[in-house]
Amino acid sequence: MDWKDKLSGLKEVLPEGENVPEEGLVTPVVKKQPEPLRVELDKRNGKPATIVSNFFGSDEELKELGKTLKVKCGAGGSARDGEILVQGDFRVKIGEMLLAMGYKVKKINFK
């Protein structure tokens, strides 16, 4: 008797789980940003940095978005004065993440 047979036997013993309806799933919310966010590469002290600018919102929203982008990229950076700076060249990755979040993106210096 191999492990597949043992798992099949357990399946019959276990109680059935609840079915979650699809309408209970969360759909992405489209952000209300009047202008697209600018995503560009800049050199800061000779090192590449991805800059997201033209953010219109509160400082808390800016810091939350900055934290999300930095965690997803696995990099450091800062978020202040309507601008998010992520250390490293993450233009493409950040652009895709922002589009998935519902923001419009203006790509500057993309290859």
PDB file of N, CA and C in Angstrom:
ATOM      1  N   MET A   1       0.858  -1.177   0.000  1.00  0.00           N
ATOM      2  CA  MET A   1       0.000   0.000   0.000  1.00  0.00           C
ATOM      3  C   MET A   1       0.903   1.239   0.000  1.00  0.00           C
ATOM      4  N   ASP A   2       0.727   2.074  -1.005  1.00  0.00           N
ATOM      5  CA  ASP A   2       1.555   3.271  -1.062  1.00  0.00           C
ATOM      6  C   ASP A   2       0.812   4.458  -0.445  1.00  0.00           C
ATOM      7  N   TRP A   3       1.436   5.601  -0.438  1.00  0.00           N
ATOM      8  CA  TRP A   3       0.885   6.782   0.240  1.00  0.00           C
ATOM      9  C   TRP A   3      -0.382   7.307  -0.432  1.00  0.00           C
ATOM     10  N   LYS A   4      -0.529   7.088  -1.734  1.00  0.00           N
ATOM     11  CA  LYS A   4      -1.741   7.537  -2.431  1.00  0.00           C
ATOM     12  C   LYS A   4      -2.967   6.758  -1.946  1.00  0.00           C
ATOM     13  N   ASP A   5      -2.800   5.463  -1.730  1.00  0.00           N
ATOM     14  CA  ASP A   5      -3.907   4.650  -1.231  1.00  0.00           C
ATOM     15  C   ASP A   5      -4.288   5.071   0.187  1.00  0.00           C
ATOM     16  N   LYS A   6      -3.287   5.368   1.010  1.00  0.00           N
ATOM     17  CA  LYS A   6      -3.561   5.804   2.381  1.00  0.00           C
ATOM     18  C   LYS A   6      -4.323   7.127   2.390  1.00  0.00           C
ATOM     19  N   LEU A   7      -3.935   8.062   1.514  1.00  0.00           N
ATOM     20  CA  LEU A   7      -4.636   9.341   1.441  1.00  0.00           C
ATOM     21  C   LEU A   7      -6.062   9.164   0.944  1.00  0.00           C
ATOM     22  N   SER A   8      -6.277   8.280   0.010  1.00  0.00           N
ATOM     23  CA  SER A   8      -7.628   8.014  -0.486  1.00  0.00           C
ATOM     24  C   SER A   8      -8.502   7.462   0.634  1.00  0.00           C
ATOM     25  N   GLY A   9      -7.935   6.620   1.476  1.00  0.00           N
ATOM     26  CA  GLY A   9      -8.680   6.069   2.607  1.00  0.00           C
ATOM     27  C   GLY A   9      -9.039   7.145   3.620  1.00  0.00           C
ATOM     28  N   LEU A  10      -8.153   8.088   3.842  1.00  0.00           N
ATOM     29  CA  LEU A  10      -8.427   9.181   4.773  1.00  0.00           C
ATOM     30  C   LEU A  10      -9.516  10.109   4.251  1.00  0.00           C
ATOM     31  N   LYS A  11      -9.590  10.259   2.949  1.00  0.00           N
ATOM     32  CA  LYS A  11     -10.570  11.163   2.334  1.00  0.00           C
ATOM     33  C   LYS A  11     -11.992  10.711   2.651  1.00  0.00           C
ATOM     34  N   GLU A  12     -12.205   9.404   2.705  1.00  0.00           N
ATOM     35  CA  GLU A  12     -13.533   8.879   3.001  1.00  0.00           C
ATOM     36  C   GLU A  12     -13.908   9.086   4.461  1.00  0.00           C
ATOM     37  N   VAL A  13     -12.936   9.124   5.355  1.00  0.00           N
ATOM     38  CA  VAL A  13     -13.187   9.246   6.788  1.00  0.00           C
ATOM     39  C   VAL A  13     -13.441  10.701   7.198  1.00  0.00           C
ATOM     40  N   LEU A  14     -12.788  11.654   6.551  1.00  0.00           N
ATOM     41  CA  LEU A  14     -12.885  13.057   6.935  1.00  0.00           C
ATOM     42  C   LEU A  14     -14.251  13.650   6.586  1.00  0.00           C
ATOM     43  N   PRO A  15     -14.744  14.574   7.436  1.00  0.00           N
ATOM     44  CA  PRO A  15     -16.016  15.234   7.107  1.00  0.00           C
ATOM     45  C   PRO A  15     -15.819  16.206   5.949  1.00  0.00           C
ATOM     46  N   GLU A  16     -16.929  16.470   5.252  1.00  0.00           N
ATOM     47  CA  GLU A  16     -16.845  17.377   4.109  1.00  0.00           C
ATOM     48  C   GLU A  16     -16.755  18.816   4.593  1.00  0.00           C
ATOM     49  N   GLY A  17     -15.964  19.631   3.897  1.00  0.00           N
ATOM     50  CA  GLY A  17     -15.818  21.041   4.235  1.00  0.00           C
ATOM     51  C   GLY A  17     -16.923  21.865   3.623  1.00  0.00           C
ATOM     52  N   GLU A  18     -16.974  23.115   4.045  1.00  0.00           N
ATOM     53  CA  GLU A  18     -17.979  24.026   3.507  1.00  0.00           C
ATOM     54  C   GLU A  18     -17.521  24.563   2.167  1.00  0.00           C
ATOM     55  N   ASN A  19     -18.457  24.705   1.258  1.00  0.00           N
ATOM     56  CA  ASN A  19     -18.145  25.301  -0.036  1.00  0.00           C
ATOM     57  C   ASN A  19     -18.285  26.814   0.074  1.00  0.00           C
ATOM     58  N   VAL A  20     -17.260  27.526  -0.336  1.00  0.00           N
ATOM     59  CA  VAL A  20     -17.282  28.985  -0.298  1.00  0.00           C
ATOM     60  C   VAL A  20     -17.793  29.489  -1.637  1.00  0.00           C
ATOM     61  N   PRO A  21     -18.867  30.271  -1.641  1.00  0.00           N
ATOM     62  CA  PRO A  21     -19.363  30.796  -2.919  1.00  0.00           C
ATOM     63  C   PRO A  21     -18.387  31.797  -3.514  1.00  0.00           C
ATOM     64  N   GLU A  22     -18.349  31.866  -4.835  1.00  0.00           N
ATOM     65  CA  GLU A  22     -17.412  32.748  -5.517  1.00  0.00           C
ATOM     66  C   GLU A  22     -17.716  34.221  -5.290  1.00  0.00           C
ATOM     67  N   GLU A  23     -18.963  34.545  -5.012  1.00  0.00           N
ATOM     68  CA  GLU A  23     -19.307  35.948  -4.808  1.00  0.00           C
ATOM     69  C   GLU A  23     -18.717  36.493  -3.516  1.00  0.00           C
ATOM     70  N   GLY A  24     -18.251  35.639  -2.620  1.00  0.00           N
ATOM     71  CA  GLY A  24     -17.641  36.069  -1.373  1.00  0.00           C
ATOM     72  C   GLY A  24     -16.195  36.502  -1.551  1.00  0.00           C
ATOM     73  N   LEU A  25     -15.615  36.241  -2.723  1.00  0.00           N
ATOM     74  CA  LEU A  25     -14.232  36.618  -2.968  1.00  0.00           C
ATOM     75  C   LEU A  25     -14.118  38.123  -3.164  1.00  0.00           C
ATOM     76  N   VAL A  26     -13.003  38.690  -2.765  1.00  0.00           N
ATOM     77  CA  VAL A  26     -12.782  40.122  -2.883  1.00  0.00           C
ATOM     78  C   VAL A  26     -12.247  40.445  -4.276  1.00  0.00           C
ATOM     79  N   THR A  27     -12.834  41.426  -4.920  1.00  0.00           N
ATOM     80  CA  THR A  27     -12.356  41.866  -6.225  1.00  0.00           C
ATOM     81  C   THR A  27     -11.461  43.084  -6.029  1.00  0.00           C
ATOM     82  N   PRO A  28     -10.450  43.274  -6.884  1.00  0.00           N
ATOM     83  CA  PRO A  28      -9.570  44.424  -6.715  1.00  0.00           C
ATOM     84  C   PRO A  28     -10.338  45.732  -6.910  1.00  0.00           C
ATOM     85  N   VAL A  29     -10.039  46.687  -6.047  1.00  0.00           N
ATOM     86  CA  VAL A  29     -10.704  47.983  -6.102  1.00  0.00           C
ATOM     87  C   VAL A  29      -9.885  48.915  -6.987  1.00  0.00           C
ATOM     88  N   VAL A  30     -10.564  49.605  -7.891  1.00  0.00           N
ATOM     89  CA  VAL A  30      -9.886  50.551  -8.764  1.00  0.00           C
ATOM     90  C   VAL A  30      -9.647  51.835  -7.979  1.00  0.00           C
ATOM     91  N   LYS A  31      -8.411  52.254  -7.913  1.00  0.00           N
ATOM     92  CA  LYS A  31      -8.053  53.460  -7.177  1.00  0.00           C
ATOM     93  C   LYS A  31      -8.482  54.683  -7.969  1.00  0.00           C
ATOM     94  N   LYS A  32      -8.828  55.731  -7.268  1.00  0.00           N
ATOM     95  CA  LYS A  32      -9.241  56.962  -7.930  1.00  0.00           C
ATOM     96  C   LYS A  32      -8.058  57.927  -7.924  1.00  0.00           C
ATOM     97  N   GLN A  33      -7.243  57.795  -8.914  1.00  0.00           N
ATOM     98  CA  GLN A  33      -6.056  58.620  -9.090  1.00  0.00           C
ATOM     99  C   GLN A  33      -6.282  59.416 -10.365  1.00  0.00           C
ATOM    100  N   PRO A  34      -6.372  60.755 -10.281  1.00  0.00           N
ATOM    101  CA  PRO A  34      -6.676  61.537 -11.479  1.00  0.00           C
ATOM    102  C   PRO A  34      -5.601  61.450 -12.556  1.00  0.00           C
ATOM    103  N   GLU A  35      -4.366  61.387 -12.167  1.00  0.00           N
ATOM    104  CA  GLU A  35      -3.268  61.300 -13.125  1.00  0.00           C
ATOM    105  C   GLU A  35      -2.508  59.996 -12.898  1.00  0.00           C
ATOM    106  N   PRO A  36      -1.841  59.488 -13.933  1.00  0.00           N
ATOM    107  CA  PRO A  36      -1.079  58.249 -13.744  1.00  0.00           C
ATOM    108  C   PRO A  36       0.142  58.469 -12.862  1.00  0.00           C
ATOM    109  N   LEU A  37       0.536  57.413 -12.156  1.00  0.00           N
ATOM    110  CA  LEU A  37       1.753  57.442 -11.367  1.00  0.00           C
ATOM    111  C   LEU A  37       2.947  57.326 -12.305  1.00  0.00           C
ATOM    112  N   ARG A  38       3.991  58.097 -12.055  1.00  0.00           N
ATOM    113  CA  ARG A  38       5.209  58.023 -12.868  1.00  0.00           C
ATOM    114  C   ARG A  38       6.151  57.010 -12.240  1.00  0.00           C
ATOM    115  N   VAL A  39       6.600  56.044 -13.044  1.00  0.00           N
ATOM    116  CA  VAL A  39       7.575  55.059 -12.590  1.00  0.00           C
ATOM    117  C   VAL A  39       8.813  55.248 -13.439  1.00  0.00           C
ATOM    118  N   GLU A  40       9.925  55.588 -12.777  1.00  0.00           N
ATOM    119  CA  GLU A  40      11.154  55.864 -13.527  1.00  0.00           C
ATOM    120  C   GLU A  40      12.374  55.399 -12.747  1.00  0.00           C
ATOM    121  N   LEU A  41      13.489  55.289 -13.446  1.00  0.00           N
ATOM    122  CA  LEU A  41      14.765  54.909 -12.841  1.00  0.00           C
ATOM    123  C   LEU A  41      15.614  56.148 -12.702  1.00  0.00           C
ATOM    124  N   ASP A  42      16.249  56.276 -11.553  1.00  0.00           N
ATOM    125  CA  ASP A  42      17.119  57.413 -11.295  1.00  0.00           C
ATOM    126  C   ASP A  42      18.355  56.891 -10.569  1.00  0.00           C
ATOM    127  N   LYS A  43      19.407  57.632 -10.636  1.00  0.00           N
ATOM    128  CA  LYS A  43      20.637  57.268  -9.922  1.00  0.00           C
ATOM    129  C   LYS A  43      20.729  58.139  -8.672  1.00  0.00           C
ATOM    130  N   ARG A  44      20.826  57.516  -7.541  1.00  0.00           N
ATOM    131  CA  ARG A  44      20.999  58.213  -6.274  1.00  0.00           C
ATOM    132  C   ARG A  44      22.324  57.759  -5.682  1.00  0.00           C
ATOM    133  N   ASN A  45      23.258  58.681  -5.574  1.00  0.00           N
ATOM    134  CA  ASN A  45      24.609  58.380  -5.090  1.00  0.00           C
ATOM    135  C   ASN A  45      25.268  57.272  -5.913  1.00  0.00           C
ATOM    136  N   GLY A  46      25.015  57.255  -7.203  1.00  0.00           N
ATOM    137  CA  GLY A  46      25.627  56.293  -8.104  1.00  0.00           C
ATOM    138  C   GLY A  46      24.951  54.929  -8.134  1.00  0.00           C
ATOM    139  N   LYS A  47      23.875  54.760  -7.356  1.00  0.00           N
ATOM    140  CA  LYS A  47      23.177  53.476  -7.308  1.00  0.00           C
ATOM    141  C   LYS A  47      21.790  53.631  -7.911  1.00  0.00           C
ATOM    142  N   PRO A  48      21.276  52.595  -8.583  1.00  0.00           N
ATOM    143  CA  PRO A  48      19.950  52.707  -9.203  1.00  0.00           C
ATOM    144  C   PRO A  48      18.842  52.744  -8.152  1.00  0.00           C
ATOM    145  N   ALA A  49      17.832  53.550  -8.426  1.00  0.00           N
ATOM    146  CA  ALA A  49      16.670  53.650  -7.548  1.00  0.00           C
ATOM    147  C   ALA A  49      15.433  53.823  -8.419  1.00  0.00           C
ATOM    148  N   THR A  50      14.387  53.078  -8.120  1.00  0.00           N
ATOM    149  CA  THR A  50      13.121  53.202  -8.826  1.00  0.00           C
ATOM    150  C   THR A  50      12.262  54.207  -8.070  1.00  0.00           C
ATOM    151  N   ILE A  51      11.751  55.199  -8.791  1.00  0.00           N
ATOM    152  CA  ILE A  51      10.985  56.271  -8.162  1.00  0.00           C
ATOM    153  C   ILE A  51       9.552  56.246  -8.690  1.00  0.00           C
ATOM    154  N   VAL A  52       8.605  56.262  -7.775  1.00  0.00           N
ATOM    155  CA  VAL A  52       7.183  56.357  -8.111  1.00  0.00           C
ATOM    156  C   VAL A  52       6.729  57.728  -7.618  1.00  0.00           C
ATOM    157  N   SER A  53       6.280  58.577  -8.545  1.00  0.00           N
ATOM    158  CA  SER A  53       5.889  59.933  -8.161  1.00  0.00           C
ATOM    159  C   SER A  53       4.502  60.258  -8.699  1.00  0.00           C
ATOM    160  N   ASN A  54       4.036  61.466  -8.436  1.00  0.00           N
ATOM    161  CA  ASN A  54       2.703  61.966  -8.805  1.00  0.00           C
ATOM    162  C   ASN A  54       1.607  61.228  -8.049  1.00  0.00           C
ATOM    163  N   PHE A  55       1.843  60.878  -6.796  1.00  0.00           N
ATOM    164  CA  PHE A  55       0.832  60.223  -5.982  1.00  0.00           C
ATOM    165  C   PHE A  55       0.001  61.286  -5.293  1.00  0.00           C
ATOM    166  N   PHE A  56      -1.322  61.193  -5.481  1.00  0.00           N
ATOM    167  CA  PHE A  56      -2.229  62.123  -4.823  1.00  0.00           C
ATOM    168  C   PHE A  56      -3.024  61.342  -3.783  1.00  0.00           C
ATOM    169  N   GLY A  57      -2.746  61.592  -2.536  1.00  0.00           N
ATOM    170  CA  GLY A  57      -3.423  60.904  -1.448  1.00  0.00           C
ATOM    171  C   GLY A  57      -2.800  61.326  -0.136  1.00  0.00           C
ATOM    172  N   SER A  58      -3.267  60.737   0.942  1.00  0.00           N
ATOM    173  CA  SER A  58      -2.740  61.099   2.257  1.00  0.00           C
ATOM    174  C   SER A  58      -1.350  60.481   2.454  1.00  0.00           C
ATOM    175  N   ASP A  59      -0.645  60.999   3.458  1.00  0.00           N
ATOM    176  CA  ASP A  59       0.685  60.473   3.763  1.00  0.00           C
ATOM    177  C   ASP A  59       0.607  59.024   4.228  1.00  0.00           C
ATOM    178  N   GLU A  60      -0.482  58.677   4.927  1.00  0.00           N
ATOM    179  CA  GLU A  60      -0.641  57.294   5.384  1.00  0.00           C
ATOM    180  C   GLU A  60      -0.801  56.340   4.205  1.00  0.00           C
ATOM    181  N   GLU A  61      -1.600  56.748   3.201  1.00  0.00           N
ATOM    182  CA  GLU A  61      -1.779  55.913   2.008  1.00  0.00           C
ATOM    183  C   GLU A  61      -0.467  55.769   1.256  1.00  0.00           C
ATOM    184  N   LEU A  62       0.300  56.858   1.184  1.00  0.00           N
ATOM    185  CA  LEU A  62       1.597  56.831   0.502  1.00  0.00           C
ATOM    186  C   LEU A  62       2.544  55.868   1.202  1.00  0.00           C
ATOM    187  N   LYS A  63       2.600  55.945   2.528  1.00  0.00           N
ATOM    188  CA  LYS A  63       3.498  55.063   3.275  1.00  0.00           C
ATOM    189  C   LYS A  63       3.063  53.607   3.172  1.00  0.00           C
ATOM    190  N   GLU A  64       1.749  53.361   3.156  1.00  0.00           N
ATOM    191  CA  GLU A  64       1.249  51.993   3.028  1.00  0.00           C
ATOM    192  C   GLU A  64       1.585  51.417   1.655  1.00  0.00           C
ATOM    193  N   LEU A  65       1.393  52.218   0.595  1.00  0.00           N
ATOM    194  CA  LEU A  65       1.737  51.771  -0.753  1.00  0.00           C
ATOM    195  C   LEU A  65       3.240  51.550  -0.867  1.00  0.00           C
ATOM    196  N   GLY A  66       4.031  52.453  -0.295  1.00  0.00           N
ATOM    197  CA  GLY A  66       5.481  52.302  -0.316  1.00  0.00           C
ATOM    198  C   GLY A  66       5.932  51.041   0.389  1.00  0.00           C
ATOM    199  N   LYS A  67       5.319  50.764   1.531  1.00  0.00           N
ATOM    200  CA  LYS A  67       5.673  49.558   2.282  1.00  0.00           C
ATOM    201  C   LYS A  67       5.345  48.305   1.471  1.00  0.00           C
ATOM    202  N   THR A  68       4.188  48.303   0.831  1.00  0.00           N
ATOM    203  CA  THR A  68       3.782  47.156   0.015  1.00  0.00           C
ATOM    204  C   THR A  68       4.764  46.925  -1.128  1.00  0.00           C
ATOM    205  N   LEU A  69       5.126  47.995  -1.835  1.00  0.00           N
ATOM    206  CA  LEU A  69       6.049  47.862  -2.961  1.00  0.00           C
ATOM    207  C   LEU A  69       7.425  47.390  -2.495  1.00  0.00           C
ATOM    208  N   LYS A  70       7.914  47.938  -1.397  1.00  0.00           N
ATOM    209  CA  LYS A  70       9.239  47.554  -0.899  1.00  0.00           C
ATOM    210  C   LYS A  70       9.268  46.095  -0.451  1.00  0.00           C
ATOM    211  N   VAL A  71       8.198  45.643   0.198  1.00  0.00           N
ATOM    212  CA  VAL A  71       8.145  44.251   0.652  1.00  0.00           C
ATOM    213  C   VAL A  71       8.090  43.299  -0.541  1.00  0.00           C
ATOM    214  N   LYS A  72       7.259  43.618  -1.544  1.00  0.00           N
ATOM    215  CA  LYS A  72       7.132  42.752  -2.726  1.00  0.00           C
ATOM    216  C   LYS A  72       8.440  42.687  -3.511  1.00  0.00           C
ATOM    217  N   CYS A  73       9.210  43.781  -3.505  1.00  0.00           N
ATOM    218  CA  CYS A  73      10.486  43.803  -4.232  1.00  0.00           C
ATOM    219  C   CYS A  73      11.637  43.291  -3.375  1.00  0.00           C
ATOM    220  N   GLY A  74      11.440  43.218  -2.080  1.00  0.00           N
ATOM    221  CA  GLY A  74      12.507  42.777  -1.190  1.00  0.00           C
ATOM    222  C   GLY A  74      13.641  43.775  -1.132  1.00  0.00           C
ATOM    223  N   ALA A  75      13.289  45.050  -1.108  1.00  0.00           N
ATOM    224  CA  ALA A  75      14.304  46.103  -1.118  1.00  0.00           C
ATOM    225  C   ALA A  75      13.945  47.180  -0.098  1.00  0.00           C
ATOM    226  N   GLY A  76      14.894  48.044   0.162  1.00  0.00           N
ATOM    227  CA  GLY A  76      14.665  49.162   1.060  1.00  0.00           C
ATOM    228  C   GLY A  76      14.204  50.375   0.290  1.00  0.00           C
ATOM    229  N   GLY A  77      14.011  51.456   0.997  1.00  0.00           N
ATOM    230  CA  GLY A  77      13.600  52.689   0.342  1.00  0.00           C
ATOM    231  C   GLY A  77      12.884  53.599   1.304  1.00  0.00           C
ATOM    232  N   SER A  78      12.157  54.578   0.757  1.00  0.00           N
ATOM    233  CA  SER A  78      11.436  55.529   1.590  1.00  0.00           C
ATOM    234  C   SER A  78      10.194  56.001   0.856  1.00  0.00           C
ATOM    235  N   ALA A  79       9.279  56.605   1.618  1.00  0.00           N
ATOM    236  CA  ALA A  79       8.057  57.155   1.049  1.00  0.00           C
ATOM    237  C   ALA A  79       7.780  58.484   1.745  1.00  0.00           C
ATOM    238  N   ARG A  80       7.951  59.585   1.008  1.00  0.00           N
ATOM    239  CA  ARG A  80       7.690  60.909   1.584  1.00  0.00           C
ATOM    240  C   ARG A  80       7.530  61.927   0.463  1.00  0.00           C
ATOM    241  N   ASP A  81       6.859  63.021   0.770  1.00  0.00           N
ATOM    242  CA  ASP A  81       6.656  64.133  -0.160  1.00  0.00           C
ATOM    243  C   ASP A  81       6.011  63.697  -1.475  1.00  0.00           C
ATOM    244  N   GLY A  82       5.047  62.771  -1.423  1.00  0.00           N
ATOM    245  CA  GLY A  82       4.352  62.329  -2.624  1.00  0.00           C
ATOM    246  C   GLY A  82       5.199  61.477  -3.544  1.00  0.00           C
ATOM    247  N   GLU A  83       6.260  60.882  -3.012  1.00  0.00           N
ATOM    248  CA  GLU A  83       7.195  60.118  -3.834  1.00  0.00           C
ATOM    249  C   GLU A  83       7.637  58.868  -3.079  1.00  0.00           C
ATOM    250  N   ILE A  84       7.690  57.750  -3.796  1.00  0.00           N
ATOM    251  CA  ILE A  84       8.167  56.490  -3.219  1.00  0.00           C
ATOM    252  C   ILE A  84       9.478  56.139  -3.897  1.00  0.00           C
ATOM    253  N   LEU A  85      10.500  55.889  -3.114  1.00  0.00           N
ATOM    254  CA  LEU A  85      11.807  55.515  -3.632  1.00  0.00           C
ATOM    255  C   LEU A  85      12.088  54.081  -3.199  1.00  0.00           C
ATOM    256  N   VAL A  86      12.334  53.201  -4.170  1.00  0.00           N
ATOM    257  CA  VAL A  86      12.685  51.806  -3.892  1.00  0.00           C
ATOM    258  C   VAL A  86      14.097  51.595  -4.397  1.00  0.00           C
ATOM    259  N   GLN A  87      14.971  51.107  -3.530  1.00  0.00           N
ATOM    260  CA  GLN A  87      16.366  50.917  -3.898  1.00  0.00           C
ATOM    261  C   GLN A  87      16.494  49.757  -4.877  1.00  0.00           C
ATOM    262  N   GLY A  88      17.072  50.037  -6.040  1.00  0.00           N
ATOM    263  CA  GLY A  88      17.270  49.016  -7.063  1.00  0.00           C
ATOM    264  C   GLY A  88      16.430  49.299  -8.293  1.00  0.00           C
ATOM    265  N   ASP A  89      16.670  48.538  -9.355  1.00  0.00           N
ATOM    266  CA  ASP A  89      15.951  48.706 -10.612  1.00  0.00           C
ATOM    267  C   ASP A  89      14.776  47.738 -10.652  1.00  0.00           C
ATOM    268  N   PHE A  90      13.602  48.199 -10.213  1.00  0.00           N
ATOM    269  CA  PHE A  90      12.397  47.390 -10.185  1.00  0.00           C
ATOM    270  C   PHE A  90      11.287  48.037 -11.009  1.00  0.00           C
ATOM    271  N   ARG A  91      11.647  48.730 -12.086  1.00  0.00           N
ATOM    272  CA  ARG A  91      10.656  49.466 -12.884  1.00  0.00           C
ATOM    273  C   ARG A  91       9.544  48.563 -13.390  1.00  0.00           C
ATOM    274  N   VAL A  92       9.908  47.452 -14.005  1.00  0.00           N
ATOM    275  CA  VAL A  92       8.923  46.565 -14.620  1.00  0.00           C
ATOM    276  C   VAL A  92       8.045  45.922 -13.549  1.00  0.00           C
ATOM    277  N   LYS A  93       8.651  45.419 -12.501  1.00  0.00           N
ATOM    278  CA  LYS A  93       7.920  44.736 -11.435  1.00  0.00           C
ATOM    279  C   LYS A  93       6.953  45.699 -10.735  1.00  0.00           C
ATOM    280  N   ILE A  94       7.407  46.894 -10.424  1.00  0.00           N
ATOM    281  CA  ILE A  94       6.557  47.880  -9.756  1.00  0.00           C
ATOM    282  C   ILE A  94       5.444  48.344 -10.688  1.00  0.00           C
ATOM    283  N   GLY A  95       5.754  48.528 -11.963  1.00  0.00           N
ATOM    284  CA  GLY A  95       4.732  48.920 -12.926  1.00  0.00           C
ATOM    285  C   GLY A  95       3.614  47.890 -12.998  1.00  0.00           C
ATOM    286  N   GLU A  96       3.966  46.610 -13.035  1.00  0.00           N
ATOM    287  CA  GLU A  96       2.967  45.540 -13.091  1.00  0.00           C
ATOM    288  C   GLU A  96       2.146  45.487 -11.804  1.00  0.00           C
ATOM    289  N   MET A  97       2.806  45.673 -10.648  1.00  0.00           N
ATOM    290  CA  MET A  97       2.086  45.647  -9.378  1.00  0.00           C
ATOM    291  C   MET A  97       1.091  46.798  -9.286  1.00  0.00           C
ATOM    292  N   LEU A  98       1.504  47.982  -9.699  1.00  0.00           N
ATOM    293  CA  LEU A  98       0.607  49.139  -9.636  1.00  0.00           C
ATOM    294  C   LEU A  98      -0.583  48.964 -10.572  1.00  0.00           C
ATOM    295  N   LEU A  99      -0.357  48.403 -11.756  1.00  0.00           N
ATOM    296  CA  LEU A  99      -1.459  48.144 -12.677  1.00  0.00           C
ATOM    297  C   LEU A  99      -2.440  47.131 -12.072  1.00  0.00           C
ATOM    298  N   ALA A 100      -1.906  46.110 -11.405  1.00  0.00           N
ATOM    299  CA  ALA A 100      -2.763  45.111 -10.773  1.00  0.00           C
ATOM    300  C   ALA A 100      -3.565  45.707  -9.623  1.00  0.00           C
ATOM    301  N   MET A 101      -3.021  46.732  -8.966  1.00  0.00           N
ATOM    302  CA  MET A 101      -3.721  47.400  -7.867  1.00  0.00           C
ATOM    303  C   MET A 101      -4.778  48.375  -8.370  1.00  0.00           C
ATOM    304  N   GLY A 102      -4.773  48.666  -9.664  1.00  0.00           N
ATOM    305  CA  GLY A 102      -5.788  49.550 -10.225  1.00  0.00           C
ATOM    306  C   GLY A 102      -5.312  50.955 -10.531  1.00  0.00           C
ATOM    307  N   TYR A 103      -4.025  51.225 -10.397  1.00  0.00           N
ATOM    308  CA  TYR A 103      -3.479  52.544 -10.703  1.00  0.00           C
ATOM    309  C   TYR A 103      -3.142  52.638 -12.190  1.00  0.00           C
ATOM    310  N   LYS A 104      -3.181  53.829 -12.721  1.00  0.00           N
ATOM    311  CA  LYS A 104      -2.667  54.084 -14.055  1.00  0.00           C
ATOM    312  C   LYS A 104      -1.172  54.343 -13.903  1.00  0.00           C
ATOM    313  N   VAL A 105      -0.386  53.898 -14.881  1.00  0.00           N
ATOM    314  CA  VAL A 105       1.070  54.018 -14.776  1.00  0.00           C
ATOM    315  C   VAL A 105       1.621  54.678 -16.031  1.00  0.00           C
ATOM    316  N   LYS A 106       2.473  55.679 -15.834  1.00  0.00           N
ATOM    317  CA  LYS A 106       3.208  56.299 -16.931  1.00  0.00           C
ATOM    318  C   LYS A 106       4.645  55.830 -16.791  1.00  0.00           C
ATOM    319  N   LYS A 107       5.122  55.087 -17.786  1.00  0.00           N
ATOM    320  CA  LYS A 107       6.450  54.478 -17.714  1.00  0.00           C
ATOM    321  C   LYS A 107       7.482  55.425 -18.311  1.00  0.00           C
ATOM    322  N   ILE A 108       8.494  55.769 -17.533  1.00  0.00           N
ATOM    323  CA  ILE A 108       9.574  56.640 -17.962  1.00  0.00           C
ATOM    324  C   ILE A 108      10.870  55.824 -17.980  1.00  0.00           C
ATOM    325  N   ASN A 109      11.632  55.905 -19.070  1.00  0.00           N
ATOM    326  CA  ASN A 109      12.926  55.208 -19.218  1.00  0.00           C
ATOM    327  C   ASN A 109      12.785  53.697 -19.153  1.00  0.00           C
ATOM    328  N   PHE A 110      11.698  53.126 -19.676  1.00  0.00           N
ATOM    329  CA  PHE A 110      11.571  51.681 -19.737  1.00  0.00           C
ATOM    330  C   PHE A 110      12.256  51.184 -20.993  1.00  0.00           C
ATOM    331  N   LYS A 111      12.744  49.964 -20.943  1.00  0.00           N
ATOM    332  CA  LYS A 111      13.464  49.395 -22.087  1.00  0.00           C
ATOM    333  C   LYS A 111      12.493  48.856 -23.089  1.00  0.00           C
TER     334      LYS A 111
END
